[in-house]
């Protein structure tokens, strides 16, 4: 079975390192990280199964990047991440194709991984 290809896009280096370290230790994942969302948009591969996408980033926000990702990679599932949630942001994310929304700090990395497995199974 091919590993699940996950791209993590977040401007916070600590979040990238923590998620990458945790997910890389779990069996069945291939993880790439991007601190710059514009670099991610130009570098992502069609084979990416799931993107973990932060909403608040200085170069371009996740809600702005989401439709661009969906247009370029319609088969890729996107899970939005944020520490600052409003109902409007949640609705915008879902309207633009996000399949799930998680709050930072994460309830637990195991709970996040469980959600990733569910989303990847749909990919």
PDB file of N, CA and C in Angstrom:
ATOM      1  N   UNK A   1       0.844  -1.192   0.000  1.00  0.00           N
ATOM      2  CA  UNK A   1       0.000   0.000   0.000  1.00  0.00           C
ATOM      3  C   UNK A   1       0.881   1.244   0.000  1.00  0.00           C
ATOM      4  N   UNK A   2       0.541   2.216  -0.837  1.00  0.00           N
ATOM      5  CA  UNK A   2       1.311   3.453  -0.912  1.00  0.00           C
ATOM      6  C   UNK A   2       1.104   4.291   0.344  1.00  0.00           C
ATOM      7  N   UNK A   3       2.150   4.995   0.771  1.00  0.00           N
ATOM      8  CA  UNK A   3       1.974   5.865   1.927  1.00  0.00           C
ATOM      9  C   UNK A   3       1.045   7.033   1.583  1.00  0.00           C
ATOM     10  N   UNK A   4       0.369   7.558   2.599  1.00  0.00           N
ATOM     11  CA  UNK A   4      -0.477   8.732   2.438  1.00  0.00           C
ATOM     12  C   UNK A   4       0.454   9.944   2.365  1.00  0.00           C
ATOM     13  N   UNK A   5       0.324  10.701   1.287  1.00  0.00           N
ATOM     14  CA  UNK A   5       1.163  11.878   1.081  1.00  0.00           C
ATOM     15  C   UNK A   5       0.484  13.095   1.713  1.00  0.00           C
ATOM     16  N   UNK A   6       1.172  13.693   2.700  1.00  0.00           N
ATOM     17  CA  UNK A   6       0.616  14.819   3.450  1.00  0.00           C
ATOM     18  C   UNK A   6       1.522  16.031   3.279  1.00  0.00           C
ATOM     19  N   UNK A   7       0.921  17.173   2.947  1.00  0.00           N
ATOM     20  CA  UNK A   7       1.645  18.442   2.912  1.00  0.00           C
ATOM     21  C   UNK A   7       1.113  19.313   4.038  1.00  0.00           C
ATOM     22  N   UNK A   8       2.019  19.878   4.813  1.00  0.00           N
ATOM     23  CA  UNK A   8       1.637  20.766   5.908  1.00  0.00           C
ATOM     24  C   UNK A   8       2.090  22.172   5.527  1.00  0.00           C
ATOM     25  N   UNK A   9       1.143  23.110   5.506  1.00  0.00           N
ATOM     26  CA  UNK A   9       1.441  24.495   5.135  1.00  0.00           C
ATOM     27  C   UNK A   9       1.096  25.385   6.324  1.00  0.00           C
ATOM     28  N   UNK A  10       2.126  25.934   6.942  1.00  0.00           N
ATOM     29  CA  UNK A  10       1.939  26.782   8.131  1.00  0.00           C
ATOM     30  C   UNK A  10       3.150  27.692   8.250  1.00  0.00           C
ATOM     31  N   UNK A  11       2.931  28.952   8.562  1.00  0.00           N
ATOM     32  CA  UNK A  11       4.056  29.882   8.694  1.00  0.00           C
ATOM     33  C   UNK A  11       4.804  29.713  10.012  1.00  0.00           C
ATOM     34  N   UNK A  12       4.232  28.958  10.949  1.00  0.00           N
ATOM     35  CA  UNK A  12       4.881  28.742  12.244  1.00  0.00           C
ATOM     36  C   UNK A  12       5.795  27.519  12.172  1.00  0.00           C
ATOM     37  N   UNK A  13       7.092  27.774  12.245  1.00  0.00           N
ATOM     38  CA  UNK A  13       8.086  26.711  12.126  1.00  0.00           C
ATOM     39  C   UNK A  13       7.897  25.629  13.192  1.00  0.00           C
ATOM     40  N   UNK A  14       7.560  26.022  14.422  1.00  0.00           N
ATOM     41  CA  UNK A  14       7.358  25.057  15.509  1.00  0.00           C
ATOM     42  C   UNK A  14       6.226  24.080  15.187  1.00  0.00           C
ATOM     43  N   UNK A  15       5.147  24.574  14.618  1.00  0.00           N
ATOM     44  CA  UNK A  15       4.013  23.716  14.246  1.00  0.00           C
ATOM     45  C   UNK A  15       4.451  22.736  13.159  1.00  0.00           C
ATOM     46  N   UNK A  16       5.163  23.247  12.158  1.00  0.00           N
ATOM     47  CA  UNK A  16       5.641  22.377  11.076  1.00  0.00           C
ATOM     48  C   UNK A  16       6.523  21.262  11.615  1.00  0.00           C
ATOM     49  N   UNK A  17       7.459  21.625  12.472  1.00  0.00           N
ATOM     50  CA  UNK A  17       8.390  20.633  13.019  1.00  0.00           C
ATOM     51  C   UNK A  17       7.674  19.612  13.888  1.00  0.00           C
ATOM     52  N   UNK A  18       6.762  20.078  14.744  1.00  0.00           N
ATOM     53  CA  UNK A  18       6.042  19.167  15.632  1.00  0.00           C
ATOM     54  C   UNK A  18       5.196  18.174  14.824  1.00  0.00           C
ATOM     55  N   UNK A  19       4.410  18.683  13.880  1.00  0.00           N
ATOM     56  CA  UNK A  19       3.547  17.806  13.083  1.00  0.00           C
ATOM     57  C   UNK A  19       4.368  16.863  12.205  1.00  0.00           C
ATOM     58  N   UNK A  20       5.401  17.382  11.588  1.00  0.00           N
ATOM     59  CA  UNK A  20       6.242  16.555  10.733  1.00  0.00           C
ATOM     60  C   UNK A  20       6.914  15.446  11.535  1.00  0.00           C
ATOM     61  N   UNK A  21       7.455  15.803  12.671  1.00  0.00           N
ATOM     62  CA  UNK A  21       8.136  14.810  13.518  1.00  0.00           C
ATOM     63  C   UNK A  21       7.153  13.725  13.955  1.00  0.00           C
ATOM     64  N   UNK A  22       5.975  14.134  14.415  1.00  0.00           N
ATOM     65  CA  UNK A  22       4.975  13.171  14.898  1.00  0.00           C
ATOM     66  C   UNK A  22       4.484  12.265  13.760  1.00  0.00           C
ATOM     67  N   UNK A  23       4.067  12.867  12.641  1.00  0.00           N
ATOM     68  CA  UNK A  23       3.485  12.076  11.558  1.00  0.00           C
ATOM     69  C   UNK A  23       4.518  11.192  10.868  1.00  0.00           C
ATOM     70  N   UNK A  24       5.762  11.654  10.785  1.00  0.00           N
ATOM     71  CA  UNK A  24       6.813  10.853  10.159  1.00  0.00           C
ATOM     72  C   UNK A  24       7.126   9.596  10.958  1.00  0.00           C
ATOM     73  N   UNK A  25       6.849   9.624  12.255  1.00  0.00           N
ATOM     74  CA  UNK A  25       7.074   8.445  13.103  1.00  0.00           C
ATOM     75  C   UNK A  25       5.941   7.421  12.980  1.00  0.00           C
ATOM     76  N   UNK A  26       4.799   7.853  12.460  1.00  0.00           N
ATOM     77  CA  UNK A  26       3.659   6.954  12.304  1.00  0.00           C
ATOM     78  C   UNK A  26       3.817   6.198  10.982  1.00  0.00           C
ATOM     79  N   UNK A  27       3.420   4.941  10.960  1.00  0.00           N
ATOM     80  CA  UNK A  27       3.556   4.182   9.701  1.00  0.00           C
ATOM     81  C   UNK A  27       2.569   4.676   8.639  1.00  0.00           C
ATOM     82  N   UNK A  28       3.030   4.684   7.398  1.00  0.00           N
ATOM     83  CA  UNK A  28       2.123   4.950   6.289  1.00  0.00           C
ATOM     84  C   UNK A  28       1.977   6.394   5.861  1.00  0.00           C
ATOM     85  N   UNK A  29       2.875   7.288   6.313  1.00  0.00           N
ATOM     86  CA  UNK A  29       2.778   8.692   5.913  1.00  0.00           C
ATOM     87  C   UNK A  29       4.063   9.152   5.252  1.00  0.00           C
ATOM     88  N   UNK A  30       3.910   9.958   4.217  1.00  0.00           N
ATOM     89  CA  UNK A  30       5.023  10.673   3.593  1.00  0.00           C
ATOM     90  C   UNK A  30       4.696  12.155   3.795  1.00  0.00           C
ATOM     91  N   UNK A  31       5.542  12.872   4.531  1.00  0.00           N
ATOM     92  CA  UNK A  31       5.231  14.243   4.945  1.00  0.00           C
ATOM     93  C   UNK A  31       6.197  15.235   4.317  1.00  0.00           C
ATOM     94  N   UNK A  32       5.635  16.321   3.773  1.00  0.00           N
ATOM     95  CA  UNK A  32       6.426  17.472   3.346  1.00  0.00           C
ATOM     96  C   UNK A  32       5.849  18.701   4.028  1.00  0.00           C
ATOM     97  N   UNK A  33       6.720  19.676   4.302  1.00  0.00           N
ATOM     98  CA  UNK A  33       6.261  20.888   4.973  1.00  0.00           C
ATOM     99  C   UNK A  33       6.633  22.116   4.157  1.00  0.00           C
ATOM    100  N   UNK A  34       5.812  23.147   4.309  1.00  0.00           N
ATOM    101  CA  UNK A  34       6.046  24.425   3.645  1.00  0.00           C
ATOM    102  C   UNK A  34       5.755  25.548   4.636  1.00  0.00           C
ATOM    103  N   UNK A  35       6.722  26.417   4.833  1.00  0.00           N
ATOM    104  CA  UNK A  35       6.508  27.581   5.693  1.00  0.00           C
ATOM    105  C   UNK A  35       5.934  28.735   4.873  1.00  0.00           C
ATOM    106  N   UNK A  36       6.169  28.706   3.568  1.00  0.00           N
ATOM    107  CA  UNK A  36       5.653  29.744   2.679  1.00  0.00           C
ATOM    108  C   UNK A  36       4.541  29.147   1.816  1.00  0.00           C
ATOM    109  N   UNK A  37       3.315  29.639   1.945  1.00  0.00           N
ATOM    110  CA  UNK A  37       2.198  29.062   1.200  1.00  0.00           C
ATOM    111  C   UNK A  37       2.326  29.218  -0.316  1.00  0.00           C
ATOM    112  N   UNK A  38       2.981  30.279  -0.783  1.00  0.00           N
ATOM    113  CA  UNK A  38       3.147  30.465  -2.225  1.00  0.00           C
ATOM    114  C   UNK A  38       4.121  29.436  -2.799  1.00  0.00           C
ATOM    115  N   UNK A  39       5.145  29.115  -2.026  1.00  0.00           N
ATOM    116  CA  UNK A  39       6.069  28.045  -2.430  1.00  0.00           C
ATOM    117  C   UNK A  39       5.316  26.718  -2.481  1.00  0.00           C
ATOM    118  N   UNK A  40       4.451  26.489  -1.504  1.00  0.00           N
ATOM    119  CA  UNK A  40       3.660  25.252  -1.482  1.00  0.00           C
ATOM    120  C   UNK A  40       2.809  25.135  -2.738  1.00  0.00           C
ATOM    121  N   UNK A  41       2.159  26.204  -3.107  1.00  0.00           N
ATOM    122  CA  UNK A  41       1.275  26.176  -4.279  1.00  0.00           C
ATOM    123  C   UNK A  41       2.050  25.812  -5.542  1.00  0.00           C
ATOM    124  N   UNK A  42       3.274  26.312  -5.672  1.00  0.00           N
ATOM    125  CA  UNK A  42       4.051  26.018  -6.871  1.00  0.00           C
ATOM    126  C   UNK A  42       4.793  24.684  -6.782  1.00  0.00           C
ATOM    127  N   UNK A  43       4.972  24.148  -5.563  1.00  0.00           N
ATOM    128  CA  UNK A  43       5.782  22.934  -5.391  1.00  0.00           C
ATOM    129  C   UNK A  43       4.993  21.660  -5.135  1.00  0.00           C
ATOM    130  N   UNK A  44       3.756  21.789  -4.696  1.00  0.00           N
ATOM    131  CA  UNK A  44       2.963  20.590  -4.391  1.00  0.00           C
ATOM    132  C   UNK A  44       2.853  19.686  -5.605  1.00  0.00           C
ATOM    133  N   UNK A  45       2.754  18.402  -5.331  1.00  0.00           N
ATOM    134  CA  UNK A  45       2.611  17.421  -6.403  1.00  0.00           C
ATOM    135  C   UNK A  45       1.169  16.934  -6.474  1.00  0.00           C
ATOM    136  N   UNK A  46       0.780  16.509  -7.638  1.00  0.00           N
ATOM    137  CA  UNK A  46      -0.583  15.983  -7.824  1.00  0.00           C
ATOM    138  C   UNK A  46      -0.858  14.779  -6.926  1.00  0.00           C
ATOM    139  N   UNK A  47       0.208  14.093  -6.539  1.00  0.00           N
ATOM    140  CA  UNK A  47       0.042  12.892  -5.728  1.00  0.00           C
ATOM    141  C   UNK A  47      -0.227  13.205  -4.256  1.00  0.00           C
ATOM    142  N   UNK A  48      -0.259  14.475  -3.874  1.00  0.00           N
ATOM    143  CA  UNK A  48      -0.537  14.838  -2.477  1.00  0.00           C
ATOM    144  C   UNK A  48      -1.975  14.450  -2.149  1.00  0.00           C
ATOM    145  N   UNK A  49      -2.126  13.634  -1.106  1.00  0.00           N
ATOM    146  CA  UNK A  49      -3.464  13.175  -0.711  1.00  0.00           C
ATOM    147  C   UNK A  49      -4.188  14.176   0.177  1.00  0.00           C
ATOM    148  N   UNK A  50      -3.454  14.708   1.172  1.00  0.00           N
ATOM    149  CA  UNK A  50      -4.072  15.592   2.164  1.00  0.00           C
ATOM    150  C   UNK A  50      -3.159  16.784   2.429  1.00  0.00           C
ATOM    151  N   UNK A  51      -3.768  17.965   2.537  1.00  0.00           N
ATOM    152  CA  UNK A  51      -3.042  19.171   2.926  1.00  0.00           C
ATOM    153  C   UNK A  51      -3.597  19.647   4.260  1.00  0.00           C
ATOM    154  N   UNK A  52      -2.694  19.878   5.213  1.00  0.00           N
ATOM    155  CA  UNK A  52      -3.045  20.557   6.457  1.00  0.00           C
ATOM    156  C   UNK A  52      -2.689  22.018   6.230  1.00  0.00           C
ATOM    157  N   UNK A  53      -3.677  22.894   6.219  1.00  0.00           N
ATOM    158  CA  UNK A  53      -3.482  24.283   5.798  1.00  0.00           C
ATOM    159  C   UNK A  53      -3.878  25.255   6.906  1.00  0.00           C
ATOM    160  N   UNK A  54      -2.917  26.075   7.322  1.00  0.00           N
ATOM    161  CA  UNK A  54      -3.175  27.099   8.326  1.00  0.00           C
ATOM    162  C   UNK A  54      -3.986  28.231   7.690  1.00  0.00           C
ATOM    163  N   UNK A  55      -4.861  28.836   8.468  1.00  0.00           N
ATOM    164  CA  UNK A  55      -5.681  29.931   7.951  1.00  0.00           C
ATOM    165  C   UNK A  55      -4.937  31.264   7.971  1.00  0.00           C
ATOM    166  N   UNK A  56      -4.242  31.546   9.071  1.00  0.00           N
ATOM    167  CA  UNK A  56      -3.596  32.856   9.231  1.00  0.00           C
ATOM    168  C   UNK A  56      -2.112  32.763   8.888  1.00  0.00           C
ATOM    169  N   UNK A  57      -1.747  33.307   7.712  1.00  0.00           N
ATOM    170  CA  UNK A  57      -0.339  33.353   7.294  1.00  0.00           C
ATOM    171  C   UNK A  57      -0.096  34.714   6.649  1.00  0.00           C
ATOM    172  N   UNK A  58       1.114  35.250   6.807  1.00  0.00           N
ATOM    173  CA  UNK A  58       1.363  36.600   6.299  1.00  0.00           C
ATOM    174  C   UNK A  58       1.394  36.735   4.773  1.00  0.00           C
ATOM    175  N   UNK A  59       1.949  35.760   4.056  1.00  0.00           N
ATOM    176  CA  UNK A  59       2.090  35.907   2.605  1.00  0.00           C
ATOM    177  C   UNK A  59       0.725  35.852   1.901  1.00  0.00           C
ATOM    178  N   UNK A  60      -0.042  34.837   2.248  1.00  0.00           N
ATOM    179  CA  UNK A  60      -1.394  34.653   1.703  1.00  0.00           C
ATOM    180  C   UNK A  60      -2.133  33.777   2.704  1.00  0.00           C
ATOM    181  N   UNK A  61      -3.322  34.171   3.074  1.00  0.00           N
ATOM    182  CA  UNK A  61      -4.088  33.418   4.062  1.00  0.00           C
ATOM    183  C   UNK A  61      -4.583  32.100   3.507  1.00  0.00           C
ATOM    184  N   UNK A  62      -4.815  31.155   4.401  1.00  0.00           N
ATOM    185  CA  UNK A  62      -5.290  29.843   3.997  1.00  0.00           C
ATOM    186  C   UNK A  62      -6.619  29.872   3.267  1.00  0.00           C
ATOM    187  N   UNK A  63      -7.521  30.776   3.673  1.00  0.00           N
ATOM    188  CA  UNK A  63      -8.819  30.857   2.997  1.00  0.00           C
ATOM    189  C   UNK A  63      -8.664  31.398   1.573  1.00  0.00           C
ATOM    190  N   UNK A  64      -7.636  32.202   1.361  1.00  0.00           N
ATOM    191  CA  UNK A  64      -7.347  32.719   0.025  1.00  0.00           C
ATOM    192  C   UNK A  64      -6.635  31.657  -0.826  1.00  0.00           C
ATOM    193  N   UNK A  65      -5.786  30.874  -0.171  1.00  0.00           N
ATOM    194  CA  UNK A  65      -5.029  29.833  -0.867  1.00  0.00           C
ATOM    195  C   UNK A  65      -5.893  28.614  -1.199  1.00  0.00           C
ATOM    196  N   UNK A  66      -6.870  28.327  -0.358  1.00  0.00           N
ATOM    197  CA  UNK A  66      -7.701  27.128  -0.508  1.00  0.00           C
ATOM    198  C   UNK A  66      -8.317  26.979  -1.909  1.00  0.00           C
ATOM    199  N   UNK A  67      -8.990  27.998  -2.468  1.00  0.00           N
ATOM    200  CA  UNK A  67      -9.560  27.800  -3.810  1.00  0.00           C
ATOM    201  C   UNK A  67      -8.491  27.575  -4.888  1.00  0.00           C
ATOM    202  N   UNK A  68      -7.326  28.183  -4.711  1.00  0.00           N
ATOM    203  CA  UNK A  68      -6.229  27.976  -5.664  1.00  0.00           C
ATOM    204  C   UNK A  68      -5.742  26.522  -5.607  1.00  0.00           C
ATOM    205  N   UNK A  69      -5.639  25.986  -4.376  1.00  0.00           N
ATOM    206  CA  UNK A  69      -5.256  24.574  -4.221  1.00  0.00           C
ATOM    207  C   UNK A  69      -6.311  23.663  -4.839  1.00  0.00           C
ATOM    208  N   UNK A  70      -7.579  23.970  -4.572  1.00  0.00           N
ATOM    209  CA  UNK A  70      -8.665  23.139  -5.088  1.00  0.00           C
ATOM    210  C   UNK A  70      -8.718  23.162  -6.608  1.00  0.00           C
ATOM    211  N   UNK A  71      -8.408  24.312  -7.202  1.00  0.00           N
ATOM    212  CA  UNK A  71      -8.417  24.417  -8.661  1.00  0.00           C
ATOM    213  C   UNK A  71      -7.264  23.616  -9.264  1.00  0.00           C
ATOM    214  N   UNK A  72      -6.091  23.729  -8.653  1.00  0.00           N
ATOM    215  CA  UNK A  72      -4.903  23.065  -9.185  1.00  0.00           C
ATOM    216  C   UNK A  72      -4.880  21.567  -8.857  1.00  0.00           C
ATOM    217  N   UNK A  73      -5.395  21.209  -7.673  1.00  0.00           N
ATOM    218  CA  UNK A  73      -5.369  19.820  -7.197  1.00  0.00           C
ATOM    219  C   UNK A  73      -6.752  19.418  -6.681  1.00  0.00           C
ATOM    220  N   UNK A  74      -7.730  19.243  -7.555  1.00  0.00           N
ATOM    221  CA  UNK A  74      -9.101  18.977  -7.100  1.00  0.00           C
ATOM    222  C   UNK A  74      -9.262  17.675  -6.305  1.00  0.00           C
ATOM    223  N   UNK A  75      -8.349  16.711  -6.510  1.00  0.00           N
ATOM    224  CA  UNK A  75      -8.452  15.432  -5.805  1.00  0.00           C
ATOM    225  C   UNK A  75      -7.867  15.497  -4.397  1.00  0.00           C
ATOM    226  N   UNK A  76      -7.124  16.547  -4.079  1.00  0.00           N
ATOM    227  CA  UNK A  76      -6.458  16.654  -2.774  1.00  0.00           C
ATOM    228  C   UNK A  76      -7.445  17.138  -1.716  1.00  0.00           C
ATOM    229  N   UNK A  77      -7.475  16.442  -0.587  1.00  0.00           N
ATOM    230  CA  UNK A  77      -8.341  16.818   0.536  1.00  0.00           C
ATOM    231  C   UNK A  77      -7.616  17.852   1.393  1.00  0.00           C
ATOM    232  N   UNK A  78      -8.339  18.873   1.868  1.00  0.00           N
ATOM    233  CA  UNK A  78      -7.726  19.932   2.666  1.00  0.00           C
ATOM    234  C   UNK A  78      -8.390  20.000   4.034  1.00  0.00           C
ATOM    235  N   UNK A  79      -7.534  19.977   5.062  1.00  0.00           N
ATOM    236  CA  UNK A  79      -7.970  20.177   6.445  1.00  0.00           C
ATOM    237  C   UNK A  79      -7.420  21.532   6.882  1.00  0.00           C
ATOM    238  N   UNK A  80      -8.302  22.426   7.259  1.00  0.00           N
ATOM    239  CA  UNK A  80      -7.881  23.754   7.706  1.00  0.00           C
ATOM    240  C   UNK A  80      -7.466  23.692   9.177  1.00  0.00           C
ATOM    241  N   UNK A  81      -6.467  24.521   9.532  1.00  0.00           N
ATOM    242  CA  UNK A  81      -6.004  24.616  10.925  1.00  0.00           C
ATOM    243  C   UNK A  81      -6.005  26.086  11.327  1.00  0.00           C
ATOM    244  N   UNK A  82      -6.429  26.367  12.557  1.00  0.00           N
ATOM    245  CA  UNK A  82      -6.362  27.741  13.023  1.00  0.00           C
ATOM    246  C   UNK A  82      -6.433  27.820  14.541  1.00  0.00           C
ATOM    247  N   UNK A  83      -5.877  28.875  15.064  1.00  0.00           N
ATOM    248  CA  UNK A  83      -6.009  29.179  16.488  1.00  0.00           C
ATOM    249  C   UNK A  83      -7.100  30.231  16.680  1.00  0.00           C
ATOM    250  N   UNK A  84      -7.527  30.847  15.570  1.00  0.00           N
ATOM    251  CA  UNK A  84      -8.503  31.938  15.619  1.00  0.00           C
ATOM    252  C   UNK A  84      -9.696  31.580  14.757  1.00  0.00           C
ATOM    253  N   UNK A  85     -10.706  31.041  15.370  1.00  0.00           N
ATOM    254  CA  UNK A  85     -11.838  30.562  14.594  1.00  0.00           C
ATOM    255  C   UNK A  85     -13.070  31.437  14.795  1.00  0.00           C
ATOM    256  N   UNK A  86     -13.770  31.647  13.692  1.00  0.00           N
ATOM    257  CA  UNK A  86     -15.090  32.255  13.744  1.00  0.00           C
ATOM    258  C   UNK A  86     -15.991  31.392  12.873  1.00  0.00           C
ATOM    259  N   UNK A  87     -17.258  31.481  13.082  1.00  0.00           N
ATOM    260  CA  UNK A  87     -18.203  30.710  12.274  1.00  0.00           C
ATOM    261  C   UNK A  87     -18.055  31.063  10.792  1.00  0.00           C
ATOM    262  N   UNK A  88     -17.837  32.335  10.491  1.00  0.00           N
ATOM    263  CA  UNK A  88     -17.654  32.754   9.098  1.00  0.00           C
ATOM    264  C   UNK A  88     -16.474  32.044   8.445  1.00  0.00           C
ATOM    265  N   UNK A  89     -15.354  31.930   9.176  1.00  0.00           N
ATOM    266  CA  UNK A  89     -14.168  31.268   8.627  1.00  0.00           C
ATOM    267  C   UNK A  89     -14.439  29.785   8.385  1.00  0.00           C
ATOM    268  N   UNK A  90     -15.123  29.149   9.319  1.00  0.00           N
ATOM    269  CA  UNK A  90     -15.458  27.733   9.162  1.00  0.00           C
ATOM    270  C   UNK A  90     -16.336  27.543   7.925  1.00  0.00           C
ATOM    271  N   UNK A  91     -17.349  28.381   7.792  1.00  0.00           N
ATOM    272  CA  UNK A  91     -18.253  28.273   6.644  1.00  0.00           C
ATOM    273  C   UNK A  91     -17.527  28.567   5.333  1.00  0.00           C
ATOM    274  N   UNK A  92     -16.674  29.587   5.324  1.00  0.00           N
ATOM    275  CA  UNK A  92     -15.886  29.897   4.122  1.00  0.00           C
ATOM    276  C   UNK A  92     -15.012  28.711   3.731  1.00  0.00           C
ATOM    277  N   UNK A  93     -14.362  28.115   4.722  1.00  0.00           N
ATOM    278  CA  UNK A  93     -13.479  26.978   4.460  1.00  0.00           C
ATOM    279  C   UNK A  93     -14.257  25.828   3.829  1.00  0.00           C
ATOM    280  N   UNK A  94     -15.415  25.514   4.382  1.00  0.00           N
ATOM    281  CA  UNK A  94     -16.217  24.409   3.837  1.00  0.00           C
ATOM    282  C   UNK A  94     -16.774  24.746   2.453  1.00  0.00           C
ATOM    283  N   UNK A  95     -17.203  25.985   2.276  1.00  0.00           N
ATOM    284  CA  UNK A  95     -17.716  26.413   0.967  1.00  0.00           C
ATOM    285  C   UNK A  95     -16.642  26.305  -0.119  1.00  0.00           C
ATOM    286  N   UNK A  96     -15.402  26.537   0.270  1.00  0.00           N
ATOM    287  CA  UNK A  96     -14.307  26.515  -0.694  1.00  0.00           C
ATOM    288  C   UNK A  96     -13.639  25.147  -0.813  1.00  0.00           C
ATOM    289  N   UNK A  97     -14.200  24.130  -0.176  1.00  0.00           N
ATOM    290  CA  UNK A  97     -13.725  22.775  -0.416  1.00  0.00           C
ATOM    291  C   UNK A  97     -12.978  22.086   0.714  1.00  0.00           C
ATOM    292  N   UNK A  98     -12.779  22.751   1.848  1.00  0.00           N
ATOM    293  CA  UNK A  98     -12.115  22.074   2.965  1.00  0.00           C
ATOM    294  C   UNK A  98     -13.021  20.956   3.475  1.00  0.00           C
ATOM    295  N   UNK A  99     -12.410  19.834   3.818  1.00  0.00           N
ATOM    296  CA  UNK A  99     -13.198  18.699   4.290  1.00  0.00           C
ATOM    297  C   UNK A  99     -13.289  18.647   5.815  1.00  0.00           C
ATOM    298  N   UNK A 100     -12.403  19.382   6.478  1.00  0.00           N
ATOM    299  CA  UNK A 100     -12.439  19.399   7.947  1.00  0.00           C
ATOM    300  C   UNK A 100     -11.709  20.639   8.441  1.00  0.00           C
ATOM    301  N   UNK A 101     -11.882  20.913   9.717  1.00  0.00           N
ATOM    302  CA  UNK A 101     -11.360  22.110  10.346  1.00  0.00           C
ATOM    303  C   UNK A 101     -10.879  21.709  11.733  1.00  0.00           C
ATOM    304  N   UNK A 102      -9.628  22.016  12.080  1.00  0.00           N
ATOM    305  CA  UNK A 102      -9.120  21.687  13.416  1.00  0.00           C
ATOM    306  C   UNK A 102      -8.575  22.945  14.093  1.00  0.00           C
ATOM    307  N   UNK A 103      -8.720  22.972  15.402  1.00  0.00           N
ATOM    308  CA  UNK A 103      -8.267  24.108  16.200  1.00  0.00           C
ATOM    309  C   UNK A 103      -6.871  23.857  16.743  1.00  0.00           C
ATOM    310  N   UNK A 104      -6.061  24.924  16.750  1.00  0.00           N
ATOM    311  CA  UNK A 104      -4.750  24.902  17.412  1.00  0.00           C
ATOM    312  C   UNK A 104      -4.910  25.676  18.713  1.00  0.00           C
ATOM    313  N   UNK A 105      -4.278  25.311  19.774  1.00  0.00           N
ATOM    314  CA  UNK A 105      -3.457  24.113  19.892  1.00  0.00           C
ATOM    315  C   UNK A 105      -4.325  22.860  19.752  1.00  0.00           C
ATOM    316  N   UNK A 106      -3.707  21.813  19.213  1.00  0.00           N
ATOM    317  CA  UNK A 106      -4.439  20.589  18.929  1.00  0.00           C
ATOM    318  C   UNK A 106      -4.863  19.908  20.218  1.00  0.00           C
ATOM    319  N   UNK A 107      -6.083  19.369  20.189  1.00  0.00           N
ATOM    320  CA  UNK A 107      -6.611  18.596  21.321  1.00  0.00           C
ATOM    321  C   UNK A 107      -5.617  17.502  21.675  1.00  0.00           C
ATOM    322  N   UNK A 108      -5.172  16.793  20.656  1.00  0.00           N
ATOM    323  CA  UNK A 108      -4.088  15.816  20.799  1.00  0.00           C
ATOM    324  C   UNK A 108      -3.614  15.468  19.401  1.00  0.00           C
ATOM    325  N   UNK A 109      -2.357  15.119  19.291  1.00  0.00           N
ATOM    326  CA  UNK A 109      -1.835  14.740  17.973  1.00  0.00           C
ATOM    327  C   UNK A 109      -2.453  13.435  17.505  1.00  0.00           C
ATOM    328  N   UNK A 110      -2.788  12.561  18.448  1.00  0.00           N
ATOM    329  CA  UNK A 110      -3.436  11.301  18.083  1.00  0.00           C
ATOM    330  C   UNK A 110      -4.823  11.562  17.489  1.00  0.00           C
ATOM    331  N   UNK A 111      -5.548  12.532  18.040  1.00  0.00           N
ATOM    332  CA  UNK A 111      -6.873  12.873  17.505  1.00  0.00           C
ATOM    333  C   UNK A 111      -6.739  13.476  16.106  1.00  0.00           C
ATOM    334  N   UNK A 112      -5.710  14.288  15.907  1.00  0.00           N
ATOM    335  CA  UNK A 112      -5.458  14.857  14.583  1.00  0.00           C
ATOM    336  C   UNK A 112      -5.116  13.751  13.588  1.00  0.00           C
ATOM    337  N   UNK A 113      -4.293  12.810  13.999  1.00  0.00           N
ATOM    338  CA  UNK A 113      -3.934  11.696  13.119  1.00  0.00           C
ATOM    339  C   UNK A 113      -5.163  10.860  12.767  1.00  0.00           C
ATOM    340  N   UNK A 114      -6.047  10.660  13.725  1.00  0.00           N
ATOM    341  CA  UNK A 114      -7.276   9.900  13.464  1.00  0.00           C
ATOM    342  C   UNK A 114      -8.099  10.596  12.369  1.00  0.00           C
ATOM    343  N   UNK A 115      -8.200  11.928  12.476  1.00  0.00           N
ATOM    344  CA  UNK A 115      -8.943  12.699  11.464  1.00  0.00           C
ATOM    345  C   UNK A 115      -8.234  12.589  10.110  1.00  0.00           C
ATOM    346  N   UNK A 116      -6.898  12.623  10.121  1.00  0.00           N
ATOM    347  CA  UNK A 116      -6.130  12.477   8.878  1.00  0.00           C
ATOM    348  C   UNK A 116      -6.418  11.131   8.212  1.00  0.00           C
ATOM    349  N   UNK A 117      -6.444  10.066   9.018  1.00  0.00           N
ATOM    350  CA  UNK A 117      -6.740   8.729   8.475  1.00  0.00           C
ATOM    351  C   UNK A 117      -8.122   8.689   7.836  1.00  0.00           C
ATOM    352  N   UNK A 118      -9.103   9.302   8.504  1.00  0.00           N
ATOM    353  CA  UNK A 118     -10.466   9.324   7.953  1.00  0.00           C
ATOM    354  C   UNK A 118     -10.503  10.061   6.622  1.00  0.00           C
ATOM    355  N   UNK A 119      -9.851  11.227   6.582  1.00  0.00           N
ATOM    356  CA  UNK A 119      -9.837  12.031   5.365  1.00  0.00           C
ATOM    357  C   UNK A 119      -9.066  11.324   4.253  1.00  0.00           C
ATOM    358  N   UNK A 120      -7.930  10.729   4.595  1.00  0.00           N
ATOM    359  CA  UNK A 120      -7.115  10.025   3.595  1.00  0.00           C
ATOM    360  C   UNK A 120      -7.874   8.826   3.015  1.00  0.00           C
ATOM    361  N   UNK A 121      -8.688   8.176   3.821  1.00  0.00           N
ATOM    362  CA  UNK A 121      -9.469   7.025   3.347  1.00  0.00           C
ATOM    363  C   UNK A 121     -10.478   7.456   2.282  1.00  0.00           C
ATOM    364  N   UNK A 122     -10.898   8.725   2.328  1.00  0.00           N
ATOM    365  CA  UNK A 122     -11.844   9.253   1.347  1.00  0.00           C
ATOM    366  C   UNK A 122     -11.141   9.696   0.073  1.00  0.00           C
ATOM    367  N   UNK A 123      -9.828   9.888   0.164  1.00  0.00           N
ATOM    368  CA  UNK A 123      -9.070  10.420  -0.999  1.00  0.00           C
ATOM    369  C   UNK A 123      -8.982   9.422  -2.121  1.00  0.00           C
TER     370      UNK A 123
END
